[in-house]
């Protein structure tokens, strides 16, 4: 999945999660090995995607799966891959054992949140629709 780096905004929950934990950008930048908070700001506003190492740092510090932190990208990737898998021979293997591919639900923590935004609700509905399609084809 390729994107134009200059125009794309990557939807995420980095800032929301950081603020809920009461961590400042400078403190987080230091924990992740940055000298200045600028990269944190770029990640939070969706202007830039972090490296895998930094993303895993976010996951560890926030104790939140990457698929929850980067819900927009995760959802888009999942939908694109679902389409590609459906067109390939992998599809029949996947349907034979869906738990092998969906070992956990990344939406569990989101569902435990008291106030869901409309985009969160839409993401959950989309995920449930995908799971229903998989089960219907078993």
C-alpha atoms as a PDB file:
ATOM      1  CA  UNK A   1       0.000   0.000   0.000  1.00  0.00           C
ATOM      2  CA  UNK A   2       1.739   3.125  -1.233  1.00  0.00           C
ATOM      3  CA  UNK A   3       0.848   6.669  -0.334  1.00  0.00           C
ATOM      4  CA  UNK A   4       1.996  10.147  -1.200  1.00  0.00           C
ATOM      5  CA  UNK A   5       3.939  11.286   1.849  1.00  0.00           C
ATOM      6  CA  UNK A   6       3.352  14.989   1.324  1.00  0.00           C
ATOM      7  CA  UNK A   7      -0.455  14.966   1.248  1.00  0.00           C
ATOM      8  CA  UNK A   8      -1.488  12.057   3.462  1.00  0.00           C
ATOM      9  CA  UNK A   9      -2.628  12.439   7.041  1.00  0.00           C
ATOM     10  CA  UNK A  10      -2.452   9.258   9.086  1.00  0.00           C
ATOM     11  CA  UNK A  11      -5.360   9.043  11.542  1.00  0.00           C
ATOM     12  CA  UNK A  12      -4.216   7.881  14.958  1.00  0.00           C
ATOM     13  CA  UNK A  13      -4.919   8.043  18.670  1.00  0.00           C
ATOM     14  CA  UNK A  14      -1.399   8.945  19.781  1.00  0.00           C
ATOM     15  CA  UNK A  15      -2.142  12.377  21.226  1.00  0.00           C
ATOM     16  CA  UNK A  16      -5.360  11.246  22.897  1.00  0.00           C
ATOM     17  CA  UNK A  17      -3.607   8.284  24.507  1.00  0.00           C
ATOM     18  CA  UNK A  18      -0.617  10.371  25.630  1.00  0.00           C
ATOM     19  CA  UNK A  19      -2.871  12.988  27.214  1.00  0.00           C
ATOM     20  CA  UNK A  20      -4.960  10.331  28.979  1.00  0.00           C
ATOM     21  CA  UNK A  21      -1.741   9.015  30.536  1.00  0.00           C
ATOM     22  CA  UNK A  22      -0.600  12.517  31.512  1.00  0.00           C
ATOM     23  CA  UNK A  23       2.686  12.327  29.595  1.00  0.00           C
ATOM     24  CA  UNK A  24       4.140  15.439  27.950  1.00  0.00           C
ATOM     25  CA  UNK A  25       5.602  15.439  24.444  1.00  0.00           C
ATOM     26  CA  UNK A  26       9.107  16.201  25.764  1.00  0.00           C
ATOM     27  CA  UNK A  27       8.950  13.330  28.240  1.00  0.00           C
ATOM     28  CA  UNK A  28       7.678  10.935  25.582  1.00  0.00           C
ATOM     29  CA  UNK A  29      10.320  12.109  23.093  1.00  0.00           C
ATOM     30  CA  UNK A  30      13.012  11.405  25.669  1.00  0.00           C
ATOM     31  CA  UNK A  31      11.623   7.929  26.413  1.00  0.00           C
ATOM     32  CA  UNK A  32      11.656   7.133  22.687  1.00  0.00           C
ATOM     33  CA  UNK A  33      15.216   8.451  22.211  1.00  0.00           C
ATOM     34  CA  UNK A  34      14.485  11.798  20.564  1.00  0.00           C
ATOM     35  CA  UNK A  35      16.238  14.984  21.655  1.00  0.00           C
ATOM     36  CA  UNK A  36      13.288  17.224  20.738  1.00  0.00           C
ATOM     37  CA  UNK A  37       9.494  16.706  20.784  1.00  0.00           C
ATOM     38  CA  UNK A  38       9.103  17.638  17.091  1.00  0.00           C
ATOM     39  CA  UNK A  39       8.839  14.019  15.826  1.00  0.00           C
ATOM     40  CA  UNK A  40       6.166  13.285  18.451  1.00  0.00           C
ATOM     41  CA  UNK A  41       4.123  16.232  17.217  1.00  0.00           C
ATOM     42  CA  UNK A  42       4.459  15.075  13.591  1.00  0.00           C
ATOM     43  CA  UNK A  43       3.340  11.547  14.515  1.00  0.00           C
ATOM     44  CA  UNK A  44       0.418  12.817  16.601  1.00  0.00           C
ATOM     45  CA  UNK A  45      -0.927  15.175  13.952  1.00  0.00           C
ATOM     46  CA  UNK A  46      -0.642  12.440  11.319  1.00  0.00           C
ATOM     47  CA  UNK A  47       1.953  14.173   9.154  1.00  0.00           C
ATOM     48  CA  UNK A  48       4.459  11.367   9.543  1.00  0.00           C
ATOM     49  CA  UNK A  49       4.476   7.651  10.343  1.00  0.00           C
ATOM     50  CA  UNK A  50       6.971   6.445  12.949  1.00  0.00           C
ATOM     51  CA  UNK A  51       9.583   3.790  12.264  1.00  0.00           C
ATOM     52  CA  UNK A  52       8.729   0.280  13.390  1.00  0.00           C
ATOM     53  CA  UNK A  53      11.018   0.697  16.407  1.00  0.00           C
ATOM     54  CA  UNK A  54       9.287   3.920  17.448  1.00  0.00           C
ATOM     55  CA  UNK A  55       5.810   2.480  16.801  1.00  0.00           C
ATOM     56  CA  UNK A  56       6.628  -0.506  19.019  1.00  0.00           C
ATOM     57  CA  UNK A  57       7.843   1.998  21.623  1.00  0.00           C
ATOM     58  CA  UNK A  58       4.440   3.691  21.519  1.00  0.00           C
ATOM     59  CA  UNK A  59       2.753   0.315  21.889  1.00  0.00           C
ATOM     60  CA  UNK A  60       4.876  -0.571  24.917  1.00  0.00           C
ATOM     61  CA  UNK A  61       4.683   2.813  26.662  1.00  0.00           C
ATOM     62  CA  UNK A  62       0.934   3.141  26.094  1.00  0.00           C
ATOM     63  CA  UNK A  63       0.208  -0.578  26.649  1.00  0.00           C
ATOM     64  CA  UNK A  64      -2.056  -0.377  23.600  1.00  0.00           C
ATOM     65  CA  UNK A  65      -1.873  -2.457  20.392  1.00  0.00           C
ATOM     66  CA  UNK A  66      -0.568  -0.646  17.313  1.00  0.00           C
ATOM     67  CA  UNK A  67      -3.814  -1.448  15.518  1.00  0.00           C
ATOM     68  CA  UNK A  68      -5.634   0.638  18.142  1.00  0.00           C
ATOM     69  CA  UNK A  69      -3.117   3.496  18.124  1.00  0.00           C
ATOM     70  CA  UNK A  70      -3.066   3.685  14.318  1.00  0.00           C
ATOM     71  CA  UNK A  71      -6.691   2.697  13.782  1.00  0.00           C
ATOM     72  CA  UNK A  72      -7.143   4.533  10.474  1.00  0.00           C
ATOM     73  CA  UNK A  73      -4.137   2.960   8.803  1.00  0.00           C
ATOM     74  CA  UNK A  74      -4.892  -0.404  10.378  1.00  0.00           C
ATOM     75  CA  UNK A  75      -8.495  -0.348   9.155  1.00  0.00           C
ATOM     76  CA  UNK A  76      -7.482   0.695   5.643  1.00  0.00           C
ATOM     77  CA  UNK A  77      -4.768  -1.957   5.480  1.00  0.00           C
ATOM     78  CA  UNK A  78      -7.138  -4.622   6.772  1.00  0.00           C
ATOM     79  CA  UNK A  79      -9.773  -3.750   4.165  1.00  0.00           C
ATOM     80  CA  UNK A  80      -7.222  -3.664   1.337  1.00  0.00           C
ATOM     81  CA  UNK A  81      -5.718  -6.975   2.396  1.00  0.00           C
ATOM     82  CA  UNK A  82      -9.139  -8.543   2.768  1.00  0.00           C
ATOM     83  CA  UNK A  83      -9.869  -7.629  -0.843  1.00  0.00           C
ATOM     84  CA  UNK A  84      -6.531  -9.004  -2.033  1.00  0.00           C
ATOM     85  CA  UNK A  85      -6.871 -12.200   0.033  1.00  0.00           C
ATOM     86  CA  UNK A  86     -10.379 -12.749  -1.313  1.00  0.00           C
ATOM     87  CA  UNK A  87      -8.906 -12.747  -4.824  1.00  0.00           C
ATOM     88  CA  UNK A  88      -6.113 -15.157  -3.959  1.00  0.00           C
ATOM     89  CA  UNK A  89      -5.844 -18.819  -3.031  1.00  0.00           C
ATOM     90  CA  UNK A  90      -5.041 -17.846   0.548  1.00  0.00           C
ATOM     91  CA  UNK A  91      -8.739 -17.067   1.035  1.00  0.00           C
ATOM     92  CA  UNK A  92      -9.850 -20.682   1.365  1.00  0.00           C
ATOM     93  CA  UNK A  93      -7.091 -21.387   3.908  1.00  0.00           C
ATOM     94  CA  UNK A  94      -8.064 -18.286   5.849  1.00  0.00           C
ATOM     95  CA  UNK A  95     -11.721 -19.258   5.975  1.00  0.00           C
ATOM     96  CA  UNK A  96     -10.831 -22.747   7.137  1.00  0.00           C
ATOM     97  CA  UNK A  97      -9.202 -21.291  10.254  1.00  0.00           C
ATOM     98  CA  UNK A  98     -10.108 -17.614  10.808  1.00  0.00           C
ATOM     99  CA  UNK A  99      -8.768 -17.562  14.374  1.00  0.00           C
ATOM    100  CA  UNK A 100      -5.316 -18.207  12.956  1.00  0.00           C
ATOM    101  CA  UNK A 101      -5.574 -14.784  11.305  1.00  0.00           C
ATOM    102  CA  UNK A 102      -7.689 -13.074  13.953  1.00  0.00           C
ATOM    103  CA  UNK A 103      -6.158 -14.395  17.162  1.00  0.00           C
ATOM    104  CA  UNK A 104      -7.319 -11.374  19.166  1.00  0.00           C
ATOM    105  CA  UNK A 105      -9.679  -8.503  18.735  1.00  0.00           C
ATOM    106  CA  UNK A 106      -7.897  -5.169  18.579  1.00  0.00           C
ATOM    107  CA  UNK A 107     -11.202  -3.452  19.214  1.00  0.00           C
ATOM    108  CA  UNK A 108     -11.639  -4.911  22.708  1.00  0.00           C
ATOM    109  CA  UNK A 109      -9.961  -1.975  24.466  1.00  0.00           C
ATOM    110  CA  UNK A 110     -11.807   0.497  22.272  1.00  0.00           C
ATOM    111  CA  UNK A 111     -15.145  -1.084  23.214  1.00  0.00           C
ATOM    112  CA  UNK A 112     -14.256  -0.644  26.888  1.00  0.00           C
ATOM    113  CA  UNK A 113     -13.936   3.142  26.445  1.00  0.00           C
ATOM    114  CA  UNK A 114     -16.864   5.119  27.926  1.00  0.00           C
ATOM    115  CA  UNK A 115     -17.373   7.604  25.072  1.00  0.00           C
ATOM    116  CA  UNK A 116     -16.835   6.470  21.503  1.00  0.00           C
ATOM    117  CA  UNK A 117     -16.528   8.916  18.629  1.00  0.00           C
ATOM    118  CA  UNK A 118     -18.518   8.370  15.461  1.00  0.00           C
ATOM    119  CA  UNK A 119     -15.336   7.293  13.628  1.00  0.00           C
ATOM    120  CA  UNK A 120     -14.693   4.700  16.379  1.00  0.00           C
ATOM    121  CA  UNK A 121     -18.246   3.396  16.007  1.00  0.00           C
ATOM    122  CA  UNK A 122     -17.838   3.240  12.211  1.00  0.00           C
ATOM    123  CA  UNK A 123     -14.545   1.333  12.570  1.00  0.00           C
ATOM    124  CA  UNK A 124     -16.151  -1.189  14.913  1.00  0.00           C
ATOM    125  CA  UNK A 125     -19.128  -1.667  12.568  1.00  0.00           C
ATOM    126  CA  UNK A 126     -16.781  -2.221   9.637  1.00  0.00           C
ATOM    127  CA  UNK A 127     -14.770  -4.773  11.632  1.00  0.00           C
ATOM    128  CA  UNK A 128     -17.904  -6.628  12.710  1.00  0.00           C
ATOM    129  CA  UNK A 129     -19.157  -6.677   9.111  1.00  0.00           C
ATOM    130  CA  UNK A 130     -15.865  -8.223   7.992  1.00  0.00           C
ATOM    131  CA  UNK A 131     -16.037 -10.878  10.722  1.00  0.00           C
ATOM    132  CA  UNK A 132     -19.672 -11.647   9.831  1.00  0.00           C
ATOM    133  CA  UNK A 133     -18.692 -12.159   6.170  1.00  0.00           C
ATOM    134  CA  UNK A 134     -15.928 -14.545   7.178  1.00  0.00           C
ATOM    135  CA  UNK A 135     -18.271 -16.549   9.399  1.00  0.00           C
ATOM    136  CA  UNK A 136     -20.978 -16.618   6.716  1.00  0.00           C
ATOM    137  CA  UNK A 137     -18.522 -18.191   4.283  1.00  0.00           C
ATOM    138  CA  UNK A 138     -17.433 -20.983   6.655  1.00  0.00           C
END
